[in-house]
Amino acid sequence: MPKLQLTLENLAELKGGIVERMLANALNRIAMDLRSAPDIPDWRRVTLEIRAKPTIEDGELSDVIVEFSVYPKCPARVTSARMEVASATNGAKQLFFAIDAPDNPAQKTISDIPGVME
Protein backbone atom coordinates (compact mmCIF):
# COMPACT_ATOMS: atom_id res chain seq x y z
CA MET A 1 0.00 0.00 0.00
CA PRO A 2 1.56 3.34 -1.03
CA LYS A 3 1.98 6.00 1.62
CA LEU A 4 1.81 9.71 0.90
CA GLN A 5 3.32 12.53 2.88
CA LEU A 6 0.50 14.87 3.91
CA THR A 7 0.58 18.07 1.86
CA LEU A 8 -2.01 20.56 0.67
CA GLU A 9 -1.59 19.19 -2.85
CA ASN A 10 -2.64 15.63 -1.90
CA LEU A 11 -5.29 16.52 0.68
CA ALA A 12 -7.92 15.34 -1.82
CA GLU A 13 -6.53 11.79 -1.52
CA LEU A 14 -7.21 11.59 2.22
CA LYS A 15 -10.27 9.56 3.30
CA GLY A 16 -11.79 9.54 -0.16
CA GLY A 17 -11.62 13.31 -0.53
CA ILE A 18 -13.74 14.25 2.48
CA VAL A 19 -11.49 17.16 3.52
CA GLU A 20 -11.60 18.54 -0.02
CA ARG A 21 -15.43 18.28 0.02
CA MET A 22 -15.53 20.03 3.41
CA LEU A 23 -13.49 22.90 1.96
CA ALA A 24 -15.59 23.01 -1.22
CA ASN A 25 -18.80 23.18 0.84
CA ALA A 26 -17.40 26.00 2.99
CA LEU A 27 -16.32 27.96 -0.10
CA ASN A 28 -19.76 27.39 -1.63
CA ARG A 29 -21.43 28.70 1.52
CA ILE A 30 -19.33 31.86 1.35
CA ALA A 31 -20.12 32.31 -2.36
CA MET A 32 -23.85 31.93 -1.65
CA ASP A 33 -23.58 34.45 1.19
CA LEU A 34 -21.80 36.94 -1.06
CA ARG A 35 -24.51 36.54 -3.72
CA SER A 36 -27.35 36.90 -1.21
CA ALA A 37 -25.92 39.88 0.69
CA PRO A 38 -23.42 41.81 -1.46
CA ASP A 39 -24.32 45.00 0.44
CA ILE A 40 -22.71 43.66 3.65
CA PRO A 41 -19.05 44.73 3.29
CA ASP A 42 -17.66 42.44 6.00
CA TRP A 43 -15.09 39.77 5.20
CA ARG A 44 -16.17 36.18 4.71
CA ARG A 45 -13.64 33.59 5.88
CA VAL A 46 -12.88 29.87 5.63
CA THR A 47 -10.54 28.43 8.24
CA LEU A 48 -8.93 25.02 7.89
CA GLU A 49 -7.71 23.78 11.24
CA ILE A 50 -5.41 20.77 11.42
CA ARG A 51 -4.70 19.26 14.84
CA ALA A 52 -2.37 16.38 15.62
CA LYS A 53 -2.37 14.20 18.74
CA PRO A 54 0.27 11.54 19.41
CA THR A 55 -0.64 7.98 20.31
CA ILE A 56 1.84 6.40 22.72
CA GLU A 57 2.37 2.62 23.09
CA ASP A 58 4.98 1.21 25.46
CA GLY A 59 6.35 4.71 26.00
CA GLU A 60 7.01 5.24 22.29
CA LEU A 61 5.22 7.22 19.60
CA SER A 62 2.95 4.74 17.82
CA ASP A 63 1.05 6.95 15.41
CA VAL A 64 -0.68 10.30 15.24
CA ILE A 65 -4.37 11.11 15.11
CA VAL A 66 -4.83 14.06 12.75
CA GLU A 67 -8.11 15.96 12.89
CA PHE A 68 -9.32 18.34 10.17
CA SER A 69 -11.92 21.02 10.86
CA VAL A 70 -13.29 23.50 8.36
CA TYR A 71 -15.05 26.63 9.62
CA PRO A 72 -16.87 28.93 7.21
CA LYS A 73 -17.60 32.35 8.75
CA CYS A 74 -20.13 34.71 7.27
CA PRO A 75 -21.35 37.98 8.77
CA ALA A 76 -24.35 37.67 11.05
CA ARG A 77 -27.62 39.13 9.86
CA VAL A 78 -29.09 41.48 12.47
CA THR A 79 -32.43 43.21 12.56
CA SER A 80 -34.63 44.61 15.29
CA ALA A 81 -38.24 45.54 15.79
CA ARG A 82 -40.10 47.76 18.24
CA MET A 83 -42.65 45.83 20.26
CA GLU A 84 -45.22 46.53 22.88
CA VAL A 85 -45.65 44.57 26.09
CA ALA A 86 -49.34 43.88 26.62
CA SER A 87 -51.64 41.27 28.09
CA ALA A 88 -52.47 38.30 25.88
CA THR A 89 -55.92 36.70 25.91
CA ASN A 90 -54.77 34.46 28.79
CA GLY A 91 -53.71 37.51 30.83
CA ALA A 92 -49.95 36.83 30.56
CA LYS A 93 -47.70 39.66 29.47
CA GLN A 94 -46.44 39.04 25.91
CA LEU A 95 -44.70 40.90 23.10
CA PHE A 96 -46.85 42.39 20.33
CA PHE A 97 -45.93 44.19 17.10
CA ALA A 98 -48.00 46.19 14.62
CA ILE A 99 -47.98 44.59 11.16
CA ASP A 100 -48.81 47.84 9.36
CA ALA A 101 -46.52 50.07 11.47
CA PRO A 102 -43.37 48.13 12.40
CA ASP A 103 -41.72 51.21 13.98
CA ASN A 104 -44.70 52.07 16.18
CA PRO A 105 -46.22 49.09 18.00
CA ALA A 106 -48.88 51.31 19.64
CA GLN A 107 -50.14 52.56 16.25
CA LYS A 108 -53.90 52.19 15.90
CA THR A 109 -55.57 51.40 12.60
CA ILE A 110 -59.13 52.09 11.55
CA SER A 111 -60.05 48.51 12.42
CA ASP A 112 -59.00 49.21 16.03
CA ILE A 113 -61.61 51.97 16.48
CA PRO A 114 -64.75 50.57 18.11
CA GLY A 115 -67.82 50.74 15.91
CA VAL A 116 -66.05 51.74 12.66
CA MET A 117 -65.36 48.34 11.08
CA GLU A 118 -68.11 46.28 12.70
C-alpha atoms as a PDB file:
ATOM      1  CA  MET A   1       0.000   0.000   0.000  1.00  0.00           C
ATOM      2  CA  PRO A   2       1.562   3.340  -1.032  1.00  0.00           C
ATOM      3  CA  LYS A   3       1.978   5.999   1.622  1.00  0.00           C
ATOM      4  CA  LEU A   4       1.811   9.710   0.902  1.00  0.00           C
ATOM      5  CA  GLN A   5       3.321  12.529   2.884  1.00  0.00           C
ATOM      6  CA  LEU A   6       0.500  14.865   3.908  1.00  0.00           C
ATOM      7  CA  THR A   7       0.581  18.074   1.860  1.00  0.00           C
ATOM      8  CA  LEU A   8      -2.010  20.560   0.667  1.00  0.00           C
ATOM      9  CA  GLU A   9      -1.593  19.190  -2.848  1.00  0.00           C
ATOM     10  CA  ASN A  10      -2.645  15.634  -1.898  1.00  0.00           C
ATOM     11  CA  LEU A  11      -5.289  16.523   0.683  1.00  0.00           C
ATOM     12  CA  ALA A  12      -7.919  15.344  -1.818  1.00  0.00           C
ATOM     13  CA  GLU A  13      -6.535  11.788  -1.520  1.00  0.00           C
ATOM     14  CA  LEU A  14      -7.212  11.587   2.224  1.00  0.00           C
ATOM     15  CA  LYS A  15     -10.267   9.560   3.300  1.00  0.00           C
ATOM     16  CA  GLY A  16     -11.795   9.538  -0.161  1.00  0.00           C
ATOM     17  CA  GLY A  17     -11.617  13.306  -0.526  1.00  0.00           C
ATOM     18  CA  ILE A  18     -13.744  14.252   2.478  1.00  0.00           C
ATOM     19  CA  VAL A  19     -11.495  17.160   3.516  1.00  0.00           C
ATOM     20  CA  GLU A  20     -11.603  18.541  -0.021  1.00  0.00           C
ATOM     21  CA  ARG A  21     -15.427  18.283   0.020  1.00  0.00           C
ATOM     22  CA  MET A  22     -15.532  20.031   3.408  1.00  0.00           C
ATOM     23  CA  LEU A  23     -13.492  22.896   1.959  1.00  0.00           C
ATOM     24  CA  ALA A  24     -15.589  23.012  -1.218  1.00  0.00           C
ATOM     25  CA  ASN A  25     -18.805  23.177   0.836  1.00  0.00           C
ATOM     26  CA  ALA A  26     -17.398  25.996   2.993  1.00  0.00           C
ATOM     27  CA  LEU A  27     -16.323  27.959  -0.097  1.00  0.00           C
ATOM     28  CA  ASN A  28     -19.759  27.386  -1.634  1.00  0.00           C
ATOM     29  CA  ARG A  29     -21.427  28.705   1.525  1.00  0.00           C
ATOM     30  CA  ILE A  30     -19.329  31.863   1.345  1.00  0.00           C
ATOM     31  CA  ALA A  31     -20.115  32.310  -2.357  1.00  0.00           C
ATOM     32  CA  MET A  32     -23.848  31.932  -1.646  1.00  0.00           C
ATOM     33  CA  ASP A  33     -23.584  34.453   1.189  1.00  0.00           C
ATOM     34  CA  LEU A  34     -21.797  36.941  -1.064  1.00  0.00           C
ATOM     35  CA  ARG A  35     -24.509  36.543  -3.721  1.00  0.00           C
ATOM     36  CA  SER A  36     -27.349  36.904  -1.214  1.00  0.00           C
ATOM     37  CA  ALA A  37     -25.919  39.881   0.688  1.00  0.00           C
ATOM     38  CA  PRO A  38     -23.423  41.815  -1.458  1.00  0.00           C
ATOM     39  CA  ASP A  39     -24.317  44.996   0.441  1.00  0.00           C
ATOM     40  CA  ILE A  40     -22.706  43.657   3.651  1.00  0.00           C
ATOM     41  CA  PRO A  41     -19.055  44.730   3.294  1.00  0.00           C
ATOM     42  CA  ASP A  42     -17.661  42.436   6.004  1.00  0.00           C
ATOM     43  CA  TRP A  43     -15.089  39.773   5.202  1.00  0.00           C
ATOM     44  CA  ARG A  44     -16.168  36.176   4.709  1.00  0.00           C
ATOM     45  CA  ARG A  45     -13.644  33.587   5.883  1.00  0.00           C
ATOM     46  CA  VAL A  46     -12.879  29.872   5.634  1.00  0.00           C
ATOM     47  CA  THR A  47     -10.543  28.429   8.237  1.00  0.00           C
ATOM     48  CA  LEU A  48      -8.929  25.017   7.889  1.00  0.00           C
ATOM     49  CA  GLU A  49      -7.706  23.778  11.244  1.00  0.00           C
ATOM     50  CA  ILE A  50      -5.412  20.768  11.419  1.00  0.00           C
ATOM     51  CA  ARG A  51      -4.699  19.260  14.836  1.00  0.00           C
ATOM     52  CA  ALA A  52      -2.367  16.382  15.618  1.00  0.00           C
ATOM     53  CA  LYS A  53      -2.375  14.201  18.741  1.00  0.00           C
ATOM     54  CA  PRO A  54       0.271  11.545  19.412  1.00  0.00           C
ATOM     55  CA  THR A  55      -0.640   7.980  20.313  1.00  0.00           C
ATOM     56  CA  ILE A  56       1.835   6.395  22.724  1.00  0.00           C
ATOM     57  CA  GLU A  57       2.372   2.624  23.089  1.00  0.00           C
ATOM     58  CA  ASP A  58       4.983   1.213  25.456  1.00  0.00           C
ATOM     59  CA  GLY A  59       6.348   4.709  25.996  1.00  0.00           C
ATOM     60  CA  GLU A  60       7.007   5.239  22.288  1.00  0.00           C
ATOM     61  CA  LEU A  61       5.224   7.216  19.599  1.00  0.00           C
ATOM     62  CA  SER A  62       2.951   4.744  17.824  1.00  0.00           C
ATOM     63  CA  ASP A  63       1.050   6.949  15.414  1.00  0.00           C
ATOM     64  CA  VAL A  64      -0.680  10.299  15.239  1.00  0.00           C
ATOM     65  CA  ILE A  65      -4.366  11.107  15.111  1.00  0.00           C
ATOM     66  CA  VAL A  66      -4.832  14.056  12.754  1.00  0.00           C
ATOM     67  CA  GLU A  67      -8.113  15.964  12.888  1.00  0.00           C
ATOM     68  CA  PHE A  68      -9.323  18.337  10.174  1.00  0.00           C
ATOM     69  CA  SER A  69     -11.924  21.015  10.864  1.00  0.00           C
ATOM     70  CA  VAL A  70     -13.293  23.502   8.361  1.00  0.00           C
ATOM     71  CA  TYR A  71     -15.049  26.626   9.616  1.00  0.00           C
ATOM     72  CA  PRO A  72     -16.875  28.934   7.211  1.00  0.00           C
ATOM     73  CA  LYS A  73     -17.596  32.347   8.751  1.00  0.00           C
ATOM     74  CA  CYS A  74     -20.125  34.709   7.267  1.00  0.00           C
ATOM     75  CA  PRO A  75     -21.355  37.983   8.774  1.00  0.00           C
ATOM     76  CA  ALA A  76     -24.347  37.669  11.052  1.00  0.00           C
ATOM     77  CA  ARG A  77     -27.621  39.134   9.862  1.00  0.00           C
ATOM     78  CA  VAL A  78     -29.092  41.478  12.472  1.00  0.00           C
ATOM     79  CA  THR A  79     -32.432  43.212  12.559  1.00  0.00           C
ATOM     80  CA  SER A  80     -34.634  44.607  15.288  1.00  0.00           C
ATOM     81  CA  ALA A  81     -38.239  45.543  15.794  1.00  0.00           C
ATOM     82  CA  ARG A  82     -40.099  47.761  18.240  1.00  0.00           C
ATOM     83  CA  MET A  83     -42.648  45.832  20.257  1.00  0.00           C
ATOM     84  CA  GLU A  84     -45.223  46.535  22.882  1.00  0.00           C
ATOM     85  CA  VAL A  85     -45.651  44.568  26.093  1.00  0.00           C
ATOM     86  CA  ALA A  86     -49.336  43.884  26.625  1.00  0.00           C
ATOM     87  CA  SER A  87     -51.635  41.268  28.087  1.00  0.00           C
ATOM     88  CA  ALA A  88     -52.473  38.301  25.883  1.00  0.00           C
ATOM     89  CA  THR A  89     -55.916  36.699  25.908  1.00  0.00           C
ATOM     90  CA  ASN A  90     -54.766  34.459  28.790  1.00  0.00           C
ATOM     91  CA  GLY A  91     -53.705  37.513  30.827  1.00  0.00           C
ATOM     92  CA  ALA A  92     -49.953  36.826  30.559  1.00  0.00           C
ATOM     93  CA  LYS A  93     -47.699  39.664  29.466  1.00  0.00           C
ATOM     94  CA  GLN A  94     -46.442  39.043  25.913  1.00  0.00           C
ATOM     95  CA  LEU A  95     -44.702  40.898  23.103  1.00  0.00           C
ATOM     96  CA  PHE A  96     -46.847  42.389  20.326  1.00  0.00           C
ATOM     97  CA  PHE A  97     -45.932  44.194  17.098  1.00  0.00           C
ATOM     98  CA  ALA A  98     -47.997  46.192  14.623  1.00  0.00           C
ATOM     99  CA  ILE A  99     -47.985  44.592  11.156  1.00  0.00           C
ATOM    100  CA  ASP A 100     -48.814  47.845   9.362  1.00  0.00           C
ATOM    101  CA  ALA A 101     -46.522  50.071  11.470  1.00  0.00           C
ATOM    102  CA  PRO A 102     -43.367  48.131  12.396  1.00  0.00           C
ATOM    103  CA  ASP A 103     -41.720  51.207  13.979  1.00  0.00           C
ATOM    104  CA  ASN A 104     -44.703  52.072  16.180  1.00  0.00           C
ATOM    105  CA  PRO A 105     -46.216  49.087  17.998  1.00  0.00           C
ATOM    106  CA  ALA A 106     -48.879  51.310  19.641  1.00  0.00           C
ATOM    107  CA  GLN A 107     -50.141  52.557  16.252  1.00  0.00           C
ATOM    108  CA  LYS A 108     -53.900  52.192  15.904  1.00  0.00           C
ATOM    109  CA  THR A 109     -55.568  51.399  12.601  1.00  0.00           C
ATOM    110  CA  ILE A 110     -59.132  52.094  11.545  1.00  0.00           C
ATOM    111  CA  SER A 111     -60.053  48.514  12.420  1.00  0.00           C
ATOM    112  CA  ASP A 112     -59.005  49.213  16.029  1.00  0.00           C
ATOM    113  CA  ILE A 113     -61.609  51.969  16.484  1.00  0.00           C
ATOM    114  CA  PRO A 114     -64.748  50.572  18.109  1.00  0.00           C
ATOM    115  CA  GLY A 115     -67.825  50.741  15.911  1.00  0.00           C
ATOM    116  CA  VAL A 116     -66.046  51.737  12.659  1.00  0.00           C
ATOM    117  CA  MET A 117     -65.359  48.344  11.079  1.00  0.00           C
ATOM    118  CA  GLU A 118     -68.108  46.282  12.702  1.00  0.00           C
END
